[in-house]
Amino acid sequence: MNKLLRYAFISALVALTLPLAPAHAAPAPQEVSLPLSEAIAALPVEDENRAGYQRSSFKHWTDADSDGCDTRIICTLRSR
């Protein structure tokens, strides 16, 4: 236990002597004013990529009460 306290104390001293990096505030976002249709048209659009997706990885979407609606559908319906 004594050894553990010694290591903790030394670690604390080392941490206190490390230089701290200065914090920088993020630049303020630039305000842009344009019609909604132009703003939507400016959004980047990419093709859907389903690489690595396997439906079998989501076994929690079950139909526990056998009413034809899995858990995902039930949650979606309840959130409306």
PDB file of N, CA and C in Angstrom:
ATOM      1  N   MET A   1       0.824  -1.196   0.000  1.00  0.00           N
ATOM      2  CA  MET A   1       0.000   0.000   0.000  1.00  0.00           C
ATOM      3  C   MET A   1       0.869   1.261   0.000  1.00  0.00           C
ATOM      4  N   ASN A   2       1.947   1.207   0.761  1.00  0.00           N
ATOM      5  CA  ASN A   2       2.862   2.332   0.846  1.00  0.00           C
ATOM      6  C   ASN A   2       3.482   2.628  -0.514  1.00  0.00           C
ATOM      7  N   LYS A   3       3.784   1.554  -1.254  1.00  0.00           N
ATOM      8  CA  LYS A   3       4.365   1.691  -2.583  1.00  0.00           C
ATOM      9  C   LYS A   3       3.366   2.348  -3.530  1.00  0.00           C
ATOM     10  N   LEU A   4       2.104   1.969  -3.391  1.00  0.00           N
ATOM     11  CA  LEU A   4       1.045   2.530  -4.222  1.00  0.00           C
ATOM     12  C   LEU A   4       0.884   4.031  -3.980  1.00  0.00           C
ATOM     13  N   LEU A   5       0.926   4.434  -2.729  1.00  0.00           N
ATOM     14  CA  LEU A   5       0.823   5.862  -2.403  1.00  0.00           C
ATOM     15  C   LEU A   5       2.011   6.637  -2.949  1.00  0.00           C
ATOM     16  N   ARG A   6       3.187   6.051  -2.881  1.00  0.00           N
ATOM     17  CA  ARG A   6       4.390   6.700  -3.400  1.00  0.00           C
ATOM     18  C   ARG A   6       4.263   6.910  -4.919  1.00  0.00           C
ATOM     19  N   TYR A   7       3.781   5.868  -5.639  1.00  0.00           N
ATOM     20  CA  TYR A   7       3.598   5.991  -7.085  1.00  0.00           C
ATOM     21  C   TYR A   7       2.532   7.029  -7.427  1.00  0.00           C
ATOM     22  N   ALA A   8       1.474   7.081  -6.635  1.00  0.00           N
ATOM     23  CA  ALA A   8       0.410   8.064  -6.860  1.00  0.00           C
ATOM     24  C   ALA A   8       0.950   9.477  -6.654  1.00  0.00           C
ATOM     25  N   PHE A   9       1.745   9.670  -5.616  1.00  0.00           N
ATOM     26  CA  PHE A   9       2.318  10.981  -5.334  1.00  0.00           C
ATOM     27  C   PHE A   9       3.274  11.411  -6.444  1.00  0.00           C
ATOM     28  N   ILE A  10       4.127  10.507  -6.894  1.00  0.00           N
ATOM     29  CA  ILE A  10       5.073  10.824  -7.966  1.00  0.00           C
ATOM     30  C   ILE A  10       4.317  11.136  -9.253  1.00  0.00           C
ATOM     31  N   SER A  11       3.275  10.365  -9.539  1.00  0.00           N
ATOM     32  CA  SER A  11       2.471  10.614 -10.740  1.00  0.00           C
ATOM     33  C   SER A  11       1.809  11.987 -10.683  1.00  0.00           C
ATOM     34  N   ALA A  12       1.326  12.357  -9.515  1.00  0.00           N
ATOM     35  CA  ALA A  12       0.700  13.672  -9.359  1.00  0.00           C
ATOM     36  C   ALA A  12       1.716  14.784  -9.574  1.00  0.00           C
ATOM     37  N   LEU A  13       2.926  14.622  -9.038  1.00  0.00           N
ATOM     38  CA  LEU A  13       3.964  15.632  -9.227  1.00  0.00           C
ATOM     39  C   LEU A  13       4.349  15.764 -10.694  1.00  0.00           C
ATOM     40  N   VAL A  14       4.481  14.647 -11.373  1.00  0.00           N
ATOM     41  CA  VAL A  14       4.818  14.674 -12.798  1.00  0.00           C
ATOM     42  C   VAL A  14       3.714  15.370 -13.582  1.00  0.00           C
ATOM     43  N   ALA A  15       2.462  15.054 -13.261  1.00  0.00           N
ATOM     44  CA  ALA A  15       1.333  15.670 -13.966  1.00  0.00           C
ATOM     45  C   ALA A  15       1.304  17.177 -13.751  1.00  0.00           C
ATOM     46  N   LEU A  16       1.673  17.637 -12.561  1.00  0.00           N
ATOM     47  CA  LEU A  16       1.665  19.068 -12.269  1.00  0.00           C
ATOM     48  C   LEU A  16       2.770  19.813 -13.005  1.00  0.00           C
ATOM     49  N   THR A  17       3.828  19.116 -13.356  1.00  0.00           N
ATOM     50  CA  THR A  17       4.945  19.789 -14.025  1.00  0.00           C
ATOM     51  C   THR A  17       4.799  19.782 -15.550  1.00  0.00           C
ATOM     52  N   LEU A  18       3.823  19.039 -16.087  1.00  0.00           N
ATOM     53  CA  LEU A  18       3.637  19.007 -17.537  1.00  0.00           C
ATOM     54  C   LEU A  18       3.045  20.333 -18.016  1.00  0.00           C
ATOM     55  N   PRO A  19       3.543  20.841 -19.114  1.00  0.00           N
ATOM     56  CA  PRO A  19       2.978  22.091 -19.625  1.00  0.00           C
ATOM     57  C   PRO A  19       1.557  21.864 -20.135  1.00  0.00           C
ATOM     58  N   LEU A  20       0.707  22.799 -19.847  1.00  0.00           N
ATOM     59  CA  LEU A  20      -0.681  22.711 -20.304  1.00  0.00           C
ATOM     60  C   LEU A  20      -0.811  23.414 -21.645  1.00  0.00           C
ATOM     61  N   ALA A  21      -1.526  22.800 -22.543  1.00  0.00           N
ATOM     62  CA  ALA A  21      -1.776  23.420 -23.844  1.00  0.00           C
ATOM     63  C   ALA A  21      -2.829  24.511 -23.672  1.00  0.00           C
ATOM     64  N   PRO A  22      -2.607  25.664 -24.275  1.00  0.00           N
ATOM     65  CA  PRO A  22      -3.602  26.730 -24.137  1.00  0.00           C
ATOM     66  C   PRO A  22      -4.908  26.352 -24.831  1.00  0.00           C
ATOM     67  N   ALA A  23      -6.001  26.740 -24.232  1.00  0.00           N
ATOM     68  CA  ALA A  23      -7.313  26.470 -24.828  1.00  0.00           C
ATOM     69  C   ALA A  23      -7.644  27.578 -25.817  1.00  0.00           C
ATOM     70  N   HIS A  24      -8.151  27.194 -26.950  1.00  0.00           N
ATOM     71  CA  HIS A  24      -8.533  28.161 -27.968  1.00  0.00           C
ATOM     72  C   HIS A  24     -10.014  28.026 -28.242  1.00  0.00           C
ATOM     73  N   ALA A  25     -10.683  29.140 -28.275  1.00  0.00           N
ATOM     74  CA  ALA A  25     -12.106  29.130 -28.602  1.00  0.00           C
ATOM     75  C   ALA A  25     -12.273  28.908 -30.097  1.00  0.00           C
ATOM     76  N   ALA A  26     -13.301  28.162 -30.435  1.00  0.00           N
ATOM     77  CA  ALA A  26     -13.601  27.936 -31.850  1.00  0.00           C
ATOM     78  C   ALA A  26     -14.078  29.251 -32.461  1.00  0.00           C
ATOM     79  N   PRO A  27     -13.724  29.500 -33.709  1.00  0.00           N
ATOM     80  CA  PRO A  27     -14.190  30.734 -34.336  1.00  0.00           C
ATOM     81  C   PRO A  27     -15.711  30.746 -34.432  1.00  0.00           C
ATOM     82  N   ALA A  28     -16.266  31.915 -34.313  1.00  0.00           N
ATOM     83  CA  ALA A  28     -17.720  32.055 -34.397  1.00  0.00           C
ATOM     84  C   ALA A  28     -18.187  31.648 -35.791  1.00  0.00           C
ATOM     85  N   PRO A  29     -19.296  30.915 -35.865  1.00  0.00           N
ATOM     86  CA  PRO A  29     -19.787  30.511 -37.183  1.00  0.00           C
ATOM     87  C   PRO A  29     -20.212  31.729 -38.000  1.00  0.00           C
ATOM     88  N   GLN A  30     -19.960  31.640 -39.281  1.00  0.00           N
ATOM     89  CA  GLN A  30     -20.312  32.754 -40.163  1.00  0.00           C
ATOM     90  C   GLN A  30     -21.806  32.674 -40.472  1.00  0.00           C
ATOM     91  N   GLU A  31     -22.488  33.784 -40.333  1.00  0.00           N
ATOM     92  CA  GLU A  31     -23.922  33.821 -40.607  1.00  0.00           C
ATOM     93  C   GLU A  31     -24.147  33.969 -42.109  1.00  0.00           C
ATOM     94  N   VAL A  32     -25.005  33.120 -42.625  1.00  0.00           N
ATOM     95  CA  VAL A  32     -25.311  33.131 -44.052  1.00  0.00           C
ATOM     96  C   VAL A  32     -26.813  33.253 -44.208  1.00  0.00           C
ATOM     97  N   SER A  33     -27.224  34.075 -45.115  1.00  0.00           N
ATOM     98  CA  SER A  33     -28.645  34.242 -45.356  1.00  0.00           C
ATOM     99  C   SER A  33     -28.940  33.924 -46.817  1.00  0.00           C
ATOM    100  N   LEU A  34     -29.745  32.883 -47.039  1.00  0.00           N
ATOM    101  CA  LEU A  34     -30.139  32.516 -48.388  1.00  0.00           C
ATOM    102  C   LEU A  34     -31.446  31.736 -48.310  1.00  0.00           C
ATOM    103  N   PRO A  35     -32.166  31.653 -49.391  1.00  0.00           N
ATOM    104  CA  PRO A  35     -33.441  30.935 -49.377  1.00  0.00           C
ATOM    105  C   PRO A  35     -33.248  29.459 -49.011  1.00  0.00           C
ATOM    106  N   LEU A  36     -34.253  28.869 -48.385  1.00  0.00           N
ATOM    107  CA  LEU A  36     -34.179  27.494 -47.935  1.00  0.00           C
ATOM    108  C   LEU A  36     -33.872  26.541 -49.082  1.00  0.00           C
ATOM    109  N   SER A  37     -34.483  26.763 -50.233  1.00  0.00           N
ATOM    110  CA  SER A  37     -34.257  25.859 -51.364  1.00  0.00           C
ATOM    111  C   SER A  37     -32.785  25.872 -51.793  1.00  0.00           C
ATOM    112  N   GLU A  38     -32.141  27.033 -51.734  1.00  0.00           N
ATOM    113  CA  GLU A  38     -30.718  27.114 -52.080  1.00  0.00           C
ATOM    114  C   GLU A  38     -29.847  26.452 -51.001  1.00  0.00           C
ATOM    115  N   ALA A  39     -30.244  26.626 -49.741  1.00  0.00           N
ATOM    116  CA  ALA A  39     -29.489  26.011 -48.645  1.00  0.00           C
ATOM    117  C   ALA A  39     -29.559  24.497 -48.757  1.00  0.00           C
ATOM    118  N   ILE A  40     -30.735  23.958 -49.080  1.00  0.00           N
ATOM    119  CA  ILE A  40     -30.884  22.508 -49.237  1.00  0.00           C
ATOM    120  C   ILE A  40     -30.077  22.020 -50.434  1.00  0.00           C
ATOM    121  N   ALA A  41     -30.118  22.766 -51.524  1.00  0.00           N
ATOM    122  CA  ALA A  41     -29.368  22.381 -52.714  1.00  0.00           C
ATOM    123  C   ALA A  41     -27.860  22.388 -52.460  1.00  0.00           C
ATOM    124  N   ALA A  42     -27.400  23.185 -51.488  1.00  0.00           N
ATOM    125  CA  ALA A  42     -25.970  23.284 -51.194  1.00  0.00           C
ATOM    126  C   ALA A  42     -25.469  22.147 -50.294  1.00  0.00           C
ATOM    127  N   LEU A  43     -26.383  21.372 -49.716  1.00  0.00           N
ATOM    128  CA  LEU A  43     -25.964  20.271 -48.845  1.00  0.00           C
ATOM    129  C   LEU A  43     -25.283  19.177 -49.660  1.00  0.00           C
ATOM    130  N   PRO A  44     -24.170  18.651 -49.163  1.00  0.00           N
ATOM    131  CA  PRO A  44     -23.500  17.568 -49.900  1.00  0.00           C
ATOM    132  C   PRO A  44     -24.328  16.287 -49.816  1.00  0.00           C
ATOM    133  N   VAL A  45     -24.436  15.592 -50.924  1.00  0.00           N
ATOM    134  CA  VAL A  45     -25.196  14.344 -50.991  1.00  0.00           C
ATOM    135  C   VAL A  45     -24.275  13.250 -51.517  1.00  0.00           C
ATOM    136  N   GLU A  46     -24.261  12.133 -50.821  1.00  0.00           N
ATOM    137  CA  GLU A  46     -23.438  10.999 -51.239  1.00  0.00           C
ATOM    138  C   GLU A  46     -24.314   9.764 -51.356  1.00  0.00           C
ATOM    139  N   ASP A  47     -23.855   8.815 -52.147  1.00  0.00           N
ATOM    140  CA  ASP A  47     -24.554   7.536 -52.252  1.00  0.00           C
ATOM    141  C   ASP A  47     -24.497   6.820 -50.912  1.00  0.00           C
ATOM    142  N   GLU A  48     -25.559   6.085 -50.614  1.00  0.00           N
ATOM    143  CA  GLU A  48     -25.618   5.321 -49.378  1.00  0.00           C
ATOM    144  C   GLU A  48     -24.565   4.222 -49.407  1.00  0.00           C
ATOM    145  N   ASN A  49     -23.899   4.031 -48.277  1.00  0.00           N
ATOM    146  CA  ASN A  49     -22.864   3.014 -48.167  1.00  0.00           C
ATOM    147  C   ASN A  49     -23.269   2.054 -47.050  1.00  0.00           C
ATOM    148  N   ARG A  50     -23.621   0.849 -47.399  1.00  0.00           N
ATOM    149  CA  ARG A  50     -24.031  -0.132 -46.394  1.00  0.00           C
ATOM    150  C   ARG A  50     -22.934  -1.155 -46.105  1.00  0.00           C
ATOM    151  N   ALA A  51     -21.724  -0.837 -46.472  1.00  0.00           N
ATOM    152  CA  ALA A  51     -20.620  -1.761 -46.230  1.00  0.00           C
ATOM    153  C   ALA A  51     -20.490  -2.019 -44.734  1.00  0.00           C
ATOM    154  N   GLY A  52     -20.423  -3.270 -44.357  1.00  0.00           N
ATOM    155  CA  GLY A  52     -20.259  -3.624 -42.955  1.00  0.00           C
ATOM    156  C   GLY A  52     -21.563  -3.786 -42.200  1.00  0.00           C
ATOM    157  N   TYR A  53     -22.704  -3.382 -42.790  1.00  0.00           N
ATOM    158  CA  TYR A  53     -23.994  -3.525 -42.115  1.00  0.00           C
ATOM    159  C   TYR A  53     -24.487  -4.955 -42.246  1.00  0.00           C
ATOM    160  N   GLN A  54     -24.896  -5.530 -41.146  1.00  0.00           N
ATOM    161  CA  GLN A  54     -25.494  -6.856 -41.159  1.00  0.00           C
ATOM    162  C   GLN A  54     -26.720  -6.828 -40.269  1.00  0.00           C
ATOM    163  N   ARG A  55     -27.882  -7.045 -40.848  1.00  0.00           N
ATOM    164  CA  ARG A  55     -29.121  -7.007 -40.082  1.00  0.00           C
ATOM    165  C   ARG A  55     -29.078  -7.988 -38.910  1.00  0.00           C
ATOM    166  N   SER A  56     -28.372  -9.103 -39.077  1.00  0.00           N
ATOM    167  CA  SER A  56     -28.294 -10.102 -38.013  1.00  0.00           C
ATOM    168  C   SER A  56     -27.588  -9.563 -36.765  1.00  0.00           C
ATOM    169  N   SER A  57     -26.898  -8.435 -36.884  1.00  0.00           N
ATOM    170  CA  SER A  57     -26.233  -7.829 -35.730  1.00  0.00           C
ATOM    171  C   SER A  57     -27.224  -7.125 -34.811  1.00  0.00           C
ATOM    172  N   PHE A  58     -28.463  -6.962 -35.256  1.00  0.00           N
ATOM    173  CA  PHE A  58     -29.476  -6.229 -34.500  1.00  0.00           C
ATOM    174  C   PHE A  58     -30.583  -7.189 -34.073  1.00  0.00           C
ATOM    175  N   LYS A  59     -30.243  -8.146 -33.237  1.00  0.00           N
ATOM    176  CA  LYS A  59     -31.200  -9.158 -32.794  1.00  0.00           C
ATOM    177  C   LYS A  59     -32.238  -8.589 -31.830  1.00  0.00           C
ATOM    178  N   HIS A  60     -32.004  -7.391 -31.290  1.00  0.00           N
ATOM    179  CA  HIS A  60     -32.951  -6.807 -30.345  1.00  0.00           C
ATOM    180  C   HIS A  60     -34.216  -6.292 -31.023  1.00  0.00           C
ATOM    181  N   TRP A  61     -34.265  -6.257 -32.346  1.00  0.00           N
ATOM    182  CA  TRP A  61     -35.488  -5.864 -33.045  1.00  0.00           C
ATOM    183  C   TRP A  61     -36.363  -7.105 -33.195  1.00  0.00           C
ATOM    184  N   THR A  62     -36.960  -7.533 -32.116  1.00  0.00           N
ATOM    185  CA  THR A  62     -37.761  -8.752 -32.127  1.00  0.00           C
ATOM    186  C   THR A  62     -39.243  -8.419 -32.060  1.00  0.00           C
ATOM    187  N   ASP A  63     -40.059  -9.378 -32.426  1.00  0.00           N
ATOM    188  CA  ASP A  63     -41.520  -9.262 -32.330  1.00  0.00           C
ATOM    189  C   ASP A  63     -41.964 -10.106 -31.144  1.00  0.00           C
ATOM    190  N   ALA A  64     -41.734  -9.589 -29.939  1.00  0.00           N
ATOM    191  CA  ALA A  64     -41.946 -10.352 -28.716  1.00  0.00           C
ATOM    192  C   ALA A  64     -43.401 -10.781 -28.516  1.00  0.00           C
ATOM    193  N   ASP A  65     -44.358  -9.937 -28.915  1.00  0.00           N
ATOM    194  CA  ASP A  65     -45.770 -10.286 -28.702  1.00  0.00           C
ATOM    195  C   ASP A  65     -46.440 -10.849 -29.957  1.00  0.00           C
ATOM    196  N   SER A  66     -45.664 -11.112 -30.990  1.00  0.00           N
ATOM    197  CA  SER A  66     -46.137 -11.737 -32.238  1.00  0.00           C
ATOM    198  C   SER A  66     -47.306 -10.999 -32.880  1.00  0.00           C
ATOM    199  N   ASP A  67     -47.259  -9.657 -32.825  1.00  0.00           N
ATOM    200  CA  ASP A  67     -48.332  -8.879 -33.461  1.00  0.00           C
ATOM    201  C   ASP A  67     -47.932  -8.358 -34.838  1.00  0.00           C
ATOM    202  N   GLY A  68     -46.785  -8.797 -35.335  1.00  0.00           N
ATOM    203  CA  GLY A  68     -46.338  -8.383 -36.657  1.00  0.00           C
ATOM    204  C   GLY A  68     -45.494  -7.117 -36.650  1.00  0.00           C
ATOM    205  N   CYS A  69     -45.312  -6.502 -35.480  1.00  0.00           N
ATOM    206  CA  CYS A  69     -44.495  -5.277 -35.374  1.00  0.00           C
ATOM    207  C   CYS A  69     -43.276  -5.584 -34.513  1.00  0.00           C
ATOM    208  N   ASP A  70     -42.093  -5.361 -35.081  1.00  0.00           N
ATOM    209  CA  ASP A  70     -40.906  -5.566 -34.262  1.00  0.00           C
ATOM    210  C   ASP A  70     -40.699  -4.357 -33.347  1.00  0.00           C
ATOM    211  N   THR A  71     -39.736  -4.450 -32.445  1.00  0.00           N
ATOM    212  CA  THR A  71     -39.502  -3.410 -31.443  1.00  0.00           C
ATOM    213  C   THR A  71     -39.238  -2.054 -32.083  1.00  0.00           C
ATOM    214  N   ARG A  72     -38.507  -2.040 -33.201  1.00  0.00           N
ATOM    215  CA  ARG A  72     -38.197  -0.775 -33.866  1.00  0.00           C
ATOM    216  C   ARG A  72     -39.467  -0.095 -34.345  1.00  0.00           C
ATOM    217  N   ILE A  73     -40.369  -0.830 -34.947  1.00  0.00           N
ATOM    218  CA  ILE A  73     -41.622  -0.247 -35.432  1.00  0.00           C
ATOM    219  C   ILE A  73     -42.474   0.254 -34.279  1.00  0.00           C
ATOM    220  N   ILE A  74     -42.557  -0.519 -33.204  1.00  0.00           N
ATOM    221  CA  ILE A  74     -43.347  -0.114 -32.045  1.00  0.00           C
ATOM    222  C   ILE A  74     -42.814   1.184 -31.453  1.00  0.00           C
ATOM    223  N   CYS A  75     -41.492   1.300 -31.318  1.00  0.00           N
ATOM    224  CA  CYS A  75     -40.898   2.538 -30.780  1.00  0.00           C
ATOM    225  C   CYS A  75     -41.185   3.717 -31.710  1.00  0.00           C
ATOM    226  N   THR A  76     -41.095   3.490 -33.007  1.00  0.00           N
ATOM    227  CA  THR A  76     -41.377   4.547 -33.960  1.00  0.00           C
ATOM    228  C   THR A  76     -42.828   5.000 -33.864  1.00  0.00           C
ATOM    229  N   LEU A  77     -43.748   4.060 -33.765  1.00  0.00           N
ATOM    230  CA  LEU A  77     -45.175   4.401 -33.662  1.00  0.00           C
ATOM    231  C   LEU A  77     -45.476   5.138 -32.363  1.00  0.00           C
ATOM    232  N   ARG A  78     -44.869   4.742 -31.272  1.00  0.00           N
ATOM    233  CA  ARG A  78     -45.117   5.392 -29.976  1.00  0.00           C
ATOM    234  C   ARG A  78     -44.533   6.797 -29.911  1.00  0.00           C
ATOM    235  N   SER A  79     -43.510   7.075 -30.710  1.00  0.00           N
ATOM    236  CA  SER A  79     -42.880   8.394 -30.636  1.00  0.00           C
ATOM    237  C   SER A  79     -43.636   9.444 -31.432  1.00  0.00           C
ATOM    238  N   ARG A  80     -44.642   9.052 -32.172  1.00  0.00           N
ATOM    239  CA  ARG A  80     -45.406  10.015 -32.977  1.00  0.00           C
ATOM    240  C   ARG A  80     -46.434  10.710 -32.157  1.00  0.00           C
TER     241      ARG A  80
END
